[in-house]
N, C-alpha and C. Protein backbone atom coordinates (compact mmCIF):
# COMPACT_ATOMS: atom_id res chain seq x y z
N MET A 1 55.36 8.27 150.58
CA MET A 1 55.58 7.02 149.90
C MET A 1 54.98 5.84 150.70
N TYR A 2 55.20 5.83 152.04
CA TYR A 2 54.69 4.73 152.87
C TYR A 2 53.17 4.73 152.91
N TYR A 3 52.59 5.91 152.82
CA TYR A 3 51.11 5.99 152.85
C TYR A 3 50.51 5.43 151.57
N ARG A 4 51.18 5.62 150.44
CA ARG A 4 50.70 5.03 149.20
C ARG A 4 50.79 3.50 149.27
N ILE A 5 51.87 3.04 149.84
CA ILE A 5 52.03 1.57 150.01
C ILE A 5 50.92 1.02 150.90
N ALA A 6 50.61 1.76 151.98
CA ALA A 6 49.52 1.34 152.87
C ALA A 6 48.22 1.32 152.13
N LEU A 7 47.94 2.31 151.31
CA LEU A 7 46.70 2.35 150.54
C LEU A 7 46.61 1.21 149.53
N ILE A 8 47.67 0.97 148.82
CA ILE A 8 47.71 -0.13 147.84
C ILE A 8 47.54 -1.50 148.52
N PHE A 9 48.28 -1.66 149.60
CA PHE A 9 48.19 -2.93 150.33
C PHE A 9 46.80 -3.10 150.92
N GLY A 10 46.17 -2.02 151.39
CA GLY A 10 44.81 -2.09 151.93
C GLY A 10 43.82 -2.49 150.84
N ILE A 11 43.97 -1.97 149.65
CA ILE A 11 43.08 -2.32 148.55
C ILE A 11 43.25 -3.79 148.17
N ILE A 12 44.50 -4.27 148.16
CA ILE A 12 44.75 -5.67 147.85
C ILE A 12 44.12 -6.57 148.91
N LEU A 13 44.27 -6.23 150.17
CA LEU A 13 43.68 -7.02 151.26
C LEU A 13 42.15 -7.02 151.20
N CYS A 14 41.59 -5.86 150.76
CA CYS A 14 40.14 -5.75 150.63
C CYS A 14 39.64 -6.74 149.56
N PHE A 15 40.30 -6.77 148.42
CA PHE A 15 39.91 -7.72 147.38
C PHE A 15 40.11 -9.16 147.83
N ALA A 16 41.17 -9.41 148.57
CA ALA A 16 41.42 -10.78 149.07
C ALA A 16 40.31 -11.19 150.04
N SER A 17 39.88 -10.27 150.91
CA SER A 17 38.80 -10.60 151.84
C SER A 17 37.49 -10.85 151.12
N LEU A 18 37.23 -10.09 150.07
CA LEU A 18 36.02 -10.32 149.28
C LEU A 18 36.07 -11.64 148.55
N PHE A 19 37.25 -12.05 148.08
CA PHE A 19 37.39 -13.35 147.45
C PHE A 19 37.15 -14.47 148.48
N ILE A 20 37.68 -14.36 149.65
CA ILE A 20 37.49 -15.36 150.70
C ILE A 20 36.00 -15.40 151.13
N LEU A 21 35.36 -14.21 151.17
CA LEU A 21 33.95 -14.17 151.52
C LEU A 21 33.12 -14.92 150.48
N SER A 22 33.45 -14.71 149.20
CA SER A 22 32.76 -15.42 148.12
C SER A 22 32.95 -16.91 148.24
N ASP A 23 34.17 -17.34 148.56
CA ASP A 23 34.47 -18.77 148.75
C ASP A 23 33.66 -19.32 149.90
N SER A 24 33.56 -18.58 151.01
CA SER A 24 32.80 -19.05 152.18
C SER A 24 31.33 -19.17 151.87
N ILE A 25 30.77 -18.23 151.12
CA ILE A 25 29.35 -18.25 150.76
C ILE A 25 29.08 -19.47 149.85
N THR A 26 29.98 -19.70 148.89
CA THR A 26 29.83 -20.87 148.01
C THR A 26 29.89 -22.16 148.83
N PHE A 27 30.80 -22.21 149.77
CA PHE A 27 30.92 -23.39 150.63
C PHE A 27 29.60 -23.61 151.39
N LEU A 28 29.02 -22.54 151.92
CA LEU A 28 27.76 -22.66 152.70
C LEU A 28 26.62 -23.11 151.81
N LYS A 29 26.55 -22.62 150.58
CA LYS A 29 25.49 -23.02 149.66
C LYS A 29 25.54 -24.50 149.34
N ASN A 30 26.73 -25.04 149.22
CA ASN A 30 26.95 -26.42 148.80
C ASN A 30 27.12 -27.38 149.96
N SER A 31 27.10 -26.91 151.19
CA SER A 31 27.41 -27.77 152.32
C SER A 31 26.14 -28.31 152.97
N GLU A 32 26.37 -29.33 153.75
CA GLU A 32 25.27 -29.89 154.58
C GLU A 32 25.59 -29.61 156.05
N ARG A 33 24.59 -29.65 156.88
CA ARG A 33 24.74 -29.41 158.30
C ARG A 33 24.75 -30.74 159.03
N ALA A 34 25.51 -30.81 160.10
CA ALA A 34 25.52 -31.99 160.93
C ALA A 34 25.87 -31.57 162.38
N THR A 35 25.47 -32.38 163.30
CA THR A 35 25.77 -32.14 164.70
C THR A 35 26.97 -32.95 165.14
N GLY A 36 27.86 -32.29 165.84
CA GLY A 36 29.02 -32.96 166.36
C GLY A 36 29.00 -32.93 167.88
N THR A 37 29.56 -33.94 168.48
CA THR A 37 29.63 -34.08 169.93
C THR A 37 31.08 -34.18 170.36
N VAL A 38 31.43 -33.43 171.38
CA VAL A 38 32.78 -33.49 171.90
C VAL A 38 32.98 -34.84 172.56
N THR A 39 33.95 -35.59 172.03
CA THR A 39 34.20 -36.93 172.57
C THR A 39 35.37 -36.91 173.58
N THR A 40 36.38 -36.08 173.29
CA THR A 40 37.50 -35.97 174.22
C THR A 40 38.06 -34.57 174.17
N LEU A 41 38.81 -34.25 175.17
CA LEU A 41 39.57 -32.98 175.20
C LEU A 41 41.04 -33.37 175.16
N GLU A 42 41.69 -33.03 174.05
CA GLU A 42 43.09 -33.36 173.87
C GLU A 42 43.97 -32.36 174.66
N LEU A 43 44.86 -32.90 175.45
CA LEU A 43 45.79 -32.05 176.23
C LEU A 43 46.96 -31.69 175.36
N LEU A 44 47.21 -30.41 175.25
CA LEU A 44 48.36 -29.88 174.50
C LEU A 44 49.30 -29.19 175.49
N ARG A 45 50.55 -29.55 175.42
CA ARG A 45 51.54 -28.93 176.32
C ARG A 45 52.55 -28.13 175.49
N ASP A 46 52.83 -26.92 175.94
CA ASP A 46 53.87 -26.12 175.31
C ASP A 46 54.48 -25.22 176.36
N SER A 47 55.30 -24.25 175.92
CA SER A 47 56.01 -23.41 176.87
C SER A 47 55.06 -22.46 177.63
N ASP A 48 53.86 -22.24 177.07
CA ASP A 48 52.87 -21.39 177.77
C ASP A 48 52.06 -22.13 178.81
N GLY A 49 52.19 -23.47 178.85
CA GLY A 49 51.42 -24.26 179.79
C GLY A 49 50.52 -25.24 179.06
N ASP A 50 49.60 -25.82 179.81
CA ASP A 50 48.69 -26.82 179.25
C ASP A 50 47.44 -26.13 178.69
N SER A 51 46.94 -26.68 177.60
CA SER A 51 45.65 -26.20 177.06
C SER A 51 44.92 -27.40 176.51
N TYR A 52 43.63 -27.20 176.24
CA TYR A 52 42.77 -28.30 175.83
C TYR A 52 42.10 -27.99 174.50
N ARG A 53 42.15 -29.00 173.61
CA ARG A 53 41.50 -28.85 172.28
C ARG A 53 40.40 -29.89 172.19
N PRO A 54 39.19 -29.44 171.85
CA PRO A 54 38.11 -30.44 171.72
C PRO A 54 38.22 -31.27 170.45
N ILE A 55 37.85 -32.50 170.55
CA ILE A 55 37.78 -33.39 169.40
C ILE A 55 36.31 -33.85 169.27
N PHE A 56 35.75 -33.57 168.09
CA PHE A 56 34.32 -33.84 167.86
C PHE A 56 34.15 -35.10 167.00
N ALA A 57 33.10 -35.84 167.28
CA ALA A 57 32.63 -36.91 166.40
C ALA A 57 31.37 -36.35 165.73
N ILE A 58 31.43 -36.25 164.41
CA ILE A 58 30.34 -35.63 163.66
C ILE A 58 29.60 -36.71 162.88
N LYS A 59 28.30 -36.77 163.10
CA LYS A 59 27.46 -37.75 162.45
C LYS A 59 26.80 -37.12 161.22
N THR A 60 27.05 -37.67 160.04
CA THR A 60 26.49 -37.12 158.80
C THR A 60 25.08 -37.63 158.60
N LYS A 61 24.41 -37.11 157.55
CA LYS A 61 23.04 -37.46 157.26
C LYS A 61 22.88 -38.93 156.87
N ASN A 62 23.92 -39.48 156.23
CA ASN A 62 23.86 -40.90 155.81
C ASN A 62 24.46 -41.79 156.86
N ASN A 63 24.44 -41.37 158.12
CA ASN A 63 24.92 -42.12 159.31
C ASN A 63 26.40 -42.44 159.32
N GLY A 64 27.16 -41.70 158.53
CA GLY A 64 28.62 -41.84 158.61
C GLY A 64 29.11 -40.96 159.75
N VAL A 65 30.28 -41.28 160.29
CA VAL A 65 30.85 -40.51 161.36
C VAL A 65 32.29 -40.15 160.99
N PHE A 66 32.66 -38.88 161.22
CA PHE A 66 34.06 -38.50 161.03
C PHE A 66 34.50 -37.61 162.20
N ILE A 67 35.80 -37.57 162.38
CA ILE A 67 36.40 -36.86 163.51
C ILE A 67 36.85 -35.47 163.07
N TYR A 68 36.61 -34.47 163.91
CA TYR A 68 37.06 -33.11 163.63
C TYR A 68 37.84 -32.62 164.89
N LYS A 69 39.08 -32.20 164.62
CA LYS A 69 39.89 -31.63 165.71
C LYS A 69 39.81 -30.11 165.56
N HIS A 70 39.33 -29.46 166.61
CA HIS A 70 39.21 -28.02 166.57
C HIS A 70 40.58 -27.36 166.40
N THR A 71 40.59 -26.23 165.69
CA THR A 71 41.89 -25.58 165.40
C THR A 71 42.51 -24.87 166.57
N SER A 72 41.71 -24.47 167.54
CA SER A 72 42.24 -23.75 168.67
C SER A 72 42.06 -24.52 169.97
N SER A 73 42.90 -24.15 170.92
CA SER A 73 42.83 -24.76 172.25
C SER A 73 42.74 -23.64 173.27
N SER A 74 42.36 -24.00 174.50
CA SER A 74 42.22 -22.96 175.53
C SER A 74 42.52 -23.59 176.89
N SER A 75 42.81 -22.72 177.82
CA SER A 75 43.02 -23.13 179.20
C SER A 75 42.36 -22.11 180.11
N PRO A 76 41.35 -22.46 180.84
CA PRO A 76 40.71 -23.76 180.94
C PRO A 76 39.94 -24.10 179.68
N ALA A 77 39.48 -25.32 179.56
CA ALA A 77 38.80 -25.77 178.37
C ALA A 77 37.47 -25.02 178.17
N ASN A 78 37.22 -24.59 176.92
CA ASN A 78 35.97 -23.91 176.59
C ASN A 78 34.86 -24.90 176.36
N TRP A 79 35.19 -26.14 176.08
CA TRP A 79 34.20 -27.16 175.76
C TRP A 79 34.22 -28.23 176.84
N LYS A 80 33.10 -28.94 176.99
CA LYS A 80 33.00 -30.06 177.90
C LYS A 80 32.66 -31.30 177.07
N VAL A 81 33.13 -32.44 177.54
CA VAL A 81 32.83 -33.70 176.88
C VAL A 81 31.31 -33.88 176.89
N GLY A 82 30.76 -34.20 175.72
CA GLY A 82 29.31 -34.39 175.58
C GLY A 82 28.62 -33.18 175.00
N GLU A 83 29.29 -32.03 174.98
CA GLU A 83 28.71 -30.80 174.45
C GLU A 83 28.55 -30.97 172.92
N LYS A 84 27.49 -30.34 172.40
CA LYS A 84 27.19 -30.48 170.96
C LYS A 84 27.40 -29.15 170.24
N ALA A 85 27.70 -29.23 168.94
CA ALA A 85 27.84 -28.04 168.09
C ALA A 85 27.41 -28.42 166.67
N THR A 86 27.03 -27.42 165.93
CA THR A 86 26.64 -27.62 164.55
C THR A 86 27.81 -27.35 163.61
N PHE A 87 27.96 -28.16 162.60
CA PHE A 87 29.02 -28.06 161.62
C PHE A 87 28.45 -28.00 160.23
N ALA A 88 29.17 -27.30 159.34
CA ALA A 88 28.88 -27.32 157.91
C ALA A 88 30.01 -28.10 157.26
N TYR A 89 29.67 -29.00 156.33
CA TYR A 89 30.69 -29.81 155.68
C TYR A 89 30.29 -30.08 154.23
N ASP A 90 31.30 -30.30 153.41
CA ASP A 90 31.09 -30.68 152.02
C ASP A 90 30.84 -32.20 152.01
N PRO A 91 29.69 -32.64 151.51
CA PRO A 91 29.39 -34.08 151.55
C PRO A 91 30.40 -34.94 150.79
N ASN A 92 31.09 -34.36 149.82
CA ASN A 92 32.11 -35.11 149.10
C ASN A 92 33.46 -35.12 149.79
N GLU A 93 33.60 -34.22 150.76
CA GLU A 93 34.88 -34.11 151.46
C GLU A 93 34.61 -33.74 152.94
N PRO A 94 34.23 -34.71 153.78
CA PRO A 94 33.87 -34.40 155.15
C PRO A 94 34.98 -33.74 155.97
N GLY A 95 36.22 -33.94 155.57
CA GLY A 95 37.33 -33.31 156.27
C GLY A 95 37.35 -31.80 156.17
N SER A 96 36.51 -31.26 155.31
CA SER A 96 36.45 -29.78 155.13
C SER A 96 35.48 -29.14 156.10
N ALA A 97 35.07 -29.83 157.15
CA ALA A 97 34.08 -29.32 158.07
C ALA A 97 34.53 -28.01 158.75
N ARG A 98 33.56 -27.15 158.96
CA ARG A 98 33.79 -25.89 159.66
C ARG A 98 32.73 -25.75 160.74
N LEU A 99 33.15 -25.23 161.89
CA LEU A 99 32.20 -24.96 162.95
C LEU A 99 31.19 -23.92 162.48
N PHE A 100 29.91 -24.19 162.64
CA PHE A 100 28.85 -23.34 162.10
C PHE A 100 28.56 -22.18 163.04
N THR A 101 29.54 -21.29 163.14
CA THR A 101 29.42 -20.04 163.88
C THR A 101 29.86 -18.90 162.98
N TYR A 102 29.49 -17.69 163.32
CA TYR A 102 29.86 -16.56 162.50
C TYR A 102 31.38 -16.48 162.30
N PHE A 103 32.14 -16.52 163.41
CA PHE A 103 33.56 -16.44 163.31
C PHE A 103 34.19 -17.72 162.73
N GLY A 104 33.56 -18.87 162.96
CA GLY A 104 34.06 -20.12 162.41
C GLY A 104 33.97 -20.14 160.88
N LEU A 105 33.00 -19.45 160.34
CA LEU A 105 32.83 -19.42 158.88
C LEU A 105 33.49 -18.26 158.20
N PHE A 106 33.58 -17.12 158.87
CA PHE A 106 34.07 -15.91 158.23
C PHE A 106 35.28 -15.28 158.91
N SER A 107 36.05 -16.04 159.65
CA SER A 107 37.14 -15.48 160.43
C SER A 107 38.16 -14.72 159.59
N TRP A 108 38.65 -15.34 158.52
CA TRP A 108 39.69 -14.65 157.69
C TRP A 108 39.11 -13.45 156.96
N THR A 109 37.86 -13.53 156.58
CA THR A 109 37.23 -12.39 155.93
C THR A 109 37.20 -11.21 156.89
N ILE A 110 36.82 -11.44 158.13
CA ILE A 110 36.74 -10.38 159.12
C ILE A 110 38.12 -9.78 159.40
N VAL A 111 39.11 -10.62 159.60
CA VAL A 111 40.44 -10.16 159.93
C VAL A 111 41.05 -9.32 158.75
N LEU A 112 40.94 -9.87 157.54
CA LEU A 112 41.49 -9.16 156.41
C LEU A 112 40.74 -7.86 156.11
N LEU A 113 39.43 -7.89 156.23
CA LEU A 113 38.64 -6.68 155.96
C LEU A 113 38.95 -5.59 156.96
N CYS A 114 39.05 -5.93 158.23
CA CYS A 114 39.39 -4.94 159.27
C CYS A 114 40.76 -4.33 159.01
N THR A 115 41.72 -5.18 158.68
CA THR A 115 43.07 -4.69 158.38
C THR A 115 43.08 -3.82 157.15
N SER A 116 42.34 -4.22 156.11
CA SER A 116 42.32 -3.43 154.88
C SER A 116 41.67 -2.08 155.09
N ILE A 117 40.61 -2.04 155.84
CA ILE A 117 39.94 -0.74 156.12
C ILE A 117 40.90 0.19 156.83
N TYR A 118 41.57 -0.31 157.84
CA TYR A 118 42.55 0.48 158.58
C TYR A 118 43.62 1.03 157.63
N LEU A 119 44.18 0.20 156.81
CA LEU A 119 45.25 0.66 155.91
C LEU A 119 44.74 1.63 154.85
N MET A 120 43.51 1.39 154.34
CA MET A 120 42.98 2.32 153.35
C MET A 120 42.61 3.69 153.97
N VAL A 121 42.13 3.69 155.18
CA VAL A 121 41.81 4.97 155.85
C VAL A 121 43.10 5.76 156.11
N ILE A 122 44.14 5.10 156.55
CA ILE A 122 45.40 5.75 156.78
C ILE A 122 46.00 6.28 155.48
N GLY A 123 46.07 5.40 154.48
CA GLY A 123 46.68 5.81 153.20
C GLY A 123 45.90 6.86 152.47
N ALA A 124 44.59 6.67 152.33
CA ALA A 124 43.74 7.62 151.61
C ALA A 124 43.59 8.91 152.42
N GLY A 125 43.51 8.79 153.75
CA GLY A 125 43.40 9.99 154.59
C GLY A 125 44.61 10.90 154.44
N TYR A 126 45.78 10.30 154.39
CA TYR A 126 46.98 11.11 154.21
C TYR A 126 46.96 11.78 152.86
N GLN A 127 46.64 11.05 151.79
CA GLN A 127 46.64 11.62 150.45
C GLN A 127 45.62 12.74 150.35
N LEU A 128 44.43 12.57 150.89
CA LEU A 128 43.42 13.63 150.85
C LEU A 128 43.81 14.85 151.67
N SER A 129 44.37 14.61 152.87
CA SER A 129 44.73 15.72 153.74
C SER A 129 45.91 16.49 153.11
N LYS A 130 46.78 15.80 152.45
CA LYS A 130 47.92 16.48 151.79
C LYS A 130 47.40 17.40 150.68
N ARG A 131 46.43 16.97 149.89
CA ARG A 131 45.86 17.83 148.86
C ARG A 131 45.09 18.98 149.48
N PHE A 132 44.38 18.72 150.55
CA PHE A 132 43.63 19.78 151.20
C PHE A 132 44.55 20.87 151.81
N LEU A 133 45.61 20.40 152.43
CA LEU A 133 46.52 21.37 153.09
C LEU A 133 47.33 22.17 152.10
N ARG A 134 47.55 21.66 150.91
CA ARG A 134 48.26 22.42 149.88
C ARG A 134 47.45 23.59 149.41
N LYS A 135 46.11 23.47 149.44
CA LYS A 135 45.24 24.55 148.99
C LYS A 135 45.22 25.70 149.97
N LEU A 136 45.54 25.42 151.20
CA LEU A 136 45.52 26.48 152.25
C LEU A 136 46.69 27.37 152.09
């Protein structure tokens, strides 16, 4: 019973990852590219200690500037003030900017697809082996 649930859940996650992949590709087709520069490193304090999150100033093609706070932080800092990175953003909604890296654009697709493959292999493998072993 648990193996069937794993198989069904794996199939659902696979379709979810394909939906997110489609959304990411549509975003890339409709987005513009811009260069962002790290202006500051925000200090974050929690029970694990101090970490640093980069804050970027991104200059758009029409000379507008908007601020992007990176979603993750690290200790020591992975970024230095003045460092540059490329971003993809929706010109109608600059707050939707994403770091133009493979993982920055497709992170959830990768995570969900890996999890779904694992669950489908476990669930389907059990079902197939059960049928095979019955024949013996």
